[in-house]
Amino acid sequence: MLDRETLSVVVSMVAQVTLLVMYTVWRINRQVAGLRWWMASSATMSLGFMAIPLALGAGWSFSQALIVNHAAGLTTLMLLLQGCLRFRGHPAADRWPRALWVLVPAALLSSVLHHAHAVLRYQIHDAVSVLLLVLSAWVMCRHSRPEERLVHRVSGFFLLLMAVAMATRWVLACLAPDDLSIRSTPFRACCT
């Protein structure tokens, strides 16, 4: 069995490397639409993953760290979608930032209200995450020129792969009898 604290630190380090790479790509290619939003998405993701080891190291409760982690996770996906819209030149790219002013505080409020209820939190957050990932994949894959089609479809495929992972966790949360079972072993909770 994997140690959660070790896994948390490793994922946090990967998020930091991703942020550095995205920042470098953004600095080199500032003229490319969407990169700034993807860099902001990487920064938010990095904050979300760093929240757990840093909060636990600072003496915060795991519950408080989860509030930051889950709010950052939803915000990351919202910024990712905005980057996809900008990158692909979609007309909704100009309207979506206004929606972020409402959706980001809603994600934080949802994280605060549901931080102690794992099943409910996963049911709400994972459903929204799946929707945002599927929309991002759709934006990346639609109306590609032939020379760009493969690259856009590969990125869309990996976005859909993440959506499948989130959908799996959502199904497990829907099947879990209680919070304790989903926190300890989610697969065993729904299969016994």
Protein backbone atom coordinates (compact mmCIF):
# COMPACT_ATOMS: atom_id res chain seq x y z
CA MET A 1 0.00 0.00 0.00
CA LEU A 2 1.26 3.47 -0.82
CA ASP A 3 1.94 5.92 1.98
CA ARG A 4 -0.36 8.91 1.49
CA GLU A 5 2.10 11.46 2.85
CA THR A 6 4.89 10.24 0.56
CA LEU A 7 2.55 10.17 -2.42
CA SER A 8 1.39 13.68 -1.56
CA VAL A 9 4.96 14.99 -1.53
CA VAL A 10 5.83 13.25 -4.80
CA VAL A 11 2.73 14.60 -6.57
CA SER A 12 3.50 18.06 -5.17
CA MET A 13 7.02 17.89 -6.61
CA VAL A 14 5.67 16.82 -10.01
CA ALA A 15 3.24 19.77 -9.88
CA GLN A 16 6.17 22.13 -9.19
CA VAL A 17 8.10 20.79 -12.18
CA THR A 18 4.98 21.15 -14.35
CA LEU A 19 4.62 24.75 -13.20
CA LEU A 20 8.25 25.54 -14.07
CA VAL A 21 7.89 23.98 -17.52
CA MET A 22 4.62 25.78 -18.19
CA TYR A 23 6.10 29.09 -16.99
CA THR A 24 9.08 28.63 -19.32
CA VAL A 25 6.85 27.78 -22.29
CA TRP A 26 4.67 30.80 -21.54
CA ARG A 27 7.69 33.15 -21.28
CA ILE A 28 9.09 31.93 -24.60
CA ASN A 29 5.74 32.00 -26.45
CA ARG A 30 3.81 34.89 -24.93
CA GLN A 31 2.10 35.58 -28.25
CA VAL A 32 0.35 32.18 -28.24
CA ALA A 33 -3.23 32.59 -27.04
CA GLY A 34 -4.17 30.47 -24.04
CA LEU A 35 -0.70 29.83 -22.63
CA ARG A 36 -1.10 32.47 -19.93
CA TRP A 37 -4.29 30.73 -18.75
CA TRP A 38 -2.61 27.32 -18.83
CA MET A 39 0.28 28.74 -16.80
CA ALA A 40 -2.23 30.13 -14.28
CA SER A 41 -3.88 26.70 -14.24
CA SER A 42 -0.51 25.07 -13.52
CA ALA A 43 0.16 27.55 -10.72
CA THR A 44 -3.23 26.84 -9.16
CA MET A 45 -2.69 23.09 -9.50
CA SER A 46 0.71 23.46 -7.86
CA LEU A 47 -0.84 25.39 -4.97
CA GLY A 48 -3.51 22.72 -4.57
CA PHE A 49 -1.03 19.86 -4.42
CA MET A 50 1.37 21.76 -2.15
CA ALA A 51 -1.48 22.57 0.25
CA ILE A 52 -1.54 19.13 1.84
CA PRO A 53 2.16 18.62 2.72
CA LEU A 54 2.64 22.29 3.63
CA ALA A 55 -0.52 22.46 5.73
CA LEU A 56 0.30 19.27 7.58
CA GLY A 57 3.85 20.50 8.13
CA ALA A 58 2.54 23.80 9.48
CA GLY A 59 0.21 22.05 11.92
CA TRP A 60 -3.05 22.59 10.05
CA SER A 61 -5.62 19.85 10.09
CA PHE A 62 -5.99 17.57 7.09
CA SER A 63 -9.51 18.95 6.71
CA GLN A 64 -8.19 22.51 6.31
CA ALA A 65 -5.66 21.33 3.73
CA LEU A 66 -8.46 19.62 1.79
CA ILE A 67 -10.36 22.90 1.52
CA VAL A 68 -7.42 24.51 -0.30
CA ASN A 69 -6.72 21.35 -2.31
CA HIS A 70 -10.25 20.90 -3.64
CA ALA A 71 -10.90 24.60 -4.30
CA ALA A 72 -7.61 24.77 -6.21
CA GLY A 73 -8.49 21.61 -8.12
CA LEU A 74 -11.77 23.01 -9.44
CA THR A 75 -10.19 26.39 -10.17
CA THR A 76 -7.38 24.66 -12.07
CA LEU A 77 -9.86 22.98 -14.37
CA MET A 78 -11.75 26.24 -14.94
CA LEU A 79 -8.52 27.98 -15.94
CA LEU A 80 -7.59 25.00 -18.12
CA LEU A 81 -10.87 25.33 -20.00
CA GLN A 82 -10.28 29.06 -20.47
CA GLY A 83 -6.80 28.30 -21.85
CA CYS A 84 -8.30 25.78 -24.29
CA LEU A 85 -10.94 28.29 -25.39
CA ARG A 86 -8.29 30.98 -25.97
CA PHE A 87 -5.84 28.61 -27.66
CA ARG A 88 -8.46 27.39 -30.11
CA GLY A 89 -9.93 30.88 -30.67
CA HIS A 90 -13.39 29.86 -29.49
CA PRO A 91 -15.94 32.72 -29.24
CA ALA A 92 -16.83 31.76 -25.65
CA ALA A 93 -13.30 32.70 -24.56
CA ASP A 94 -14.40 36.29 -24.04
CA ARG A 95 -17.43 35.36 -21.91
CA TRP A 96 -15.87 32.62 -19.77
CA PRO A 97 -13.65 34.93 -17.62
CA ARG A 98 -16.78 36.70 -16.39
CA ALA A 99 -18.18 33.34 -15.32
CA LEU A 100 -14.95 32.65 -13.42
CA TRP A 101 -15.75 35.57 -11.09
CA VAL A 102 -18.76 33.55 -9.91
CA LEU A 103 -17.51 29.99 -10.32
CA VAL A 104 -14.18 30.31 -8.48
CA PRO A 105 -15.78 31.65 -5.26
CA ALA A 106 -18.48 28.96 -5.66
CA ALA A 107 -15.72 26.31 -5.79
CA LEU A 108 -14.16 27.74 -2.63
CA LEU A 109 -17.53 27.87 -0.88
CA SER A 110 -18.31 24.29 -1.91
CA SER A 111 -14.91 23.19 -0.57
CA VAL A 112 -15.56 24.90 2.75
CA LEU A 113 -19.09 23.55 3.11
CA HIS A 114 -18.25 19.97 2.12
CA HIS A 115 -14.73 19.54 3.53
CA ALA A 116 -15.94 17.19 6.26
CA HIS A 117 -18.16 15.10 3.97
CA ALA A 118 -15.94 13.06 1.64
CA VAL A 119 -18.74 11.30 -0.25
CA LEU A 120 -20.73 14.48 -0.91
CA ARG A 121 -17.56 16.44 -1.76
CA TYR A 122 -16.50 13.83 -4.34
CA GLN A 123 -20.00 13.60 -5.78
CA ILE A 124 -20.17 17.36 -6.36
CA HIS A 125 -16.56 18.20 -7.21
CA ASP A 126 -15.92 15.18 -9.41
CA ALA A 127 -19.10 15.75 -11.43
CA VAL A 128 -18.04 19.35 -12.08
CA SER A 129 -14.47 18.21 -12.83
CA VAL A 130 -15.67 15.64 -15.37
CA LEU A 131 -17.80 18.30 -17.07
CA LEU A 132 -14.89 20.78 -17.26
CA LEU A 133 -12.48 18.13 -18.57
CA VAL A 134 -14.91 16.87 -21.22
CA LEU A 135 -15.60 20.46 -22.34
CA SER A 136 -11.85 21.14 -22.55
CA ALA A 137 -11.34 17.98 -24.62
CA TRP A 138 -14.22 18.94 -26.90
CA VAL A 139 -12.82 22.44 -27.44
CA MET A 140 -9.39 21.02 -28.25
CA CYS A 141 -10.69 18.44 -30.75
CA ARG A 142 -13.34 20.30 -32.70
CA HIS A 143 -12.67 22.00 -36.03
CA SER A 144 -8.95 21.25 -36.20
CA ARG A 145 -7.07 21.82 -39.42
CA PRO A 146 -5.67 18.57 -40.86
CA GLU A 147 -2.06 19.40 -39.91
CA GLU A 148 -3.11 20.12 -36.28
CA ARG A 149 -5.66 17.34 -35.87
CA LEU A 150 -3.31 14.73 -34.36
CA VAL A 151 -1.84 17.07 -31.74
CA HIS A 152 -5.23 18.40 -30.71
CA ARG A 153 -6.71 14.92 -30.50
CA VAL A 154 -3.82 13.64 -28.38
CA SER A 155 -4.34 16.49 -25.92
CA GLY A 156 -8.09 15.83 -26.00
CA PHE A 157 -7.47 12.13 -25.36
CA PHE A 158 -5.46 12.85 -22.21
CA LEU A 159 -8.10 15.29 -20.99
CA LEU A 160 -10.70 12.55 -21.50
CA LEU A 161 -8.45 10.09 -19.69
CA MET A 162 -8.44 12.41 -16.66
CA ALA A 163 -12.22 12.73 -17.00
CA VAL A 164 -12.53 8.94 -16.86
CA ALA A 165 -10.42 8.86 -13.68
CA MET A 166 -12.60 11.52 -12.08
CA ALA A 167 -15.77 9.77 -13.25
CA THR A 168 -14.50 6.54 -11.68
CA ARG A 169 -13.98 8.29 -8.35
CA TRP A 170 -17.43 9.88 -8.69
CA VAL A 171 -19.01 6.43 -9.23
CA LEU A 172 -17.12 5.06 -6.22
CA ALA A 173 -18.37 7.99 -4.13
CA CYS A 174 -21.93 7.35 -5.27
CA LEU A 175 -21.62 3.67 -4.31
CA ALA A 176 -19.90 4.27 -0.95
CA PRO A 177 -22.12 3.69 2.08
CA ASP A 178 -20.44 6.36 4.23
CA ASP A 179 -17.55 8.82 4.51
CA LEU A 180 -15.35 6.49 6.54
CA SER A 181 -15.41 3.79 3.89
CA ILE A 182 -14.47 6.14 1.04
CA ARG A 183 -11.59 7.61 3.05
CA SER A 184 -10.06 4.28 3.97
CA THR A 185 -10.40 2.12 0.84
CA PRO A 186 -12.76 3.44 -1.83
CA PHE A 187 -12.66 0.32 -4.07
CA ARG A 188 -13.39 -2.03 -1.23
CA ALA A 189 -16.14 0.29 0.10
CA CYS A 190 -18.29 -0.05 -2.99
CA CYS A 191 -17.48 -3.67 -3.83
CA THR A 192 -18.24 -5.38 -0.51
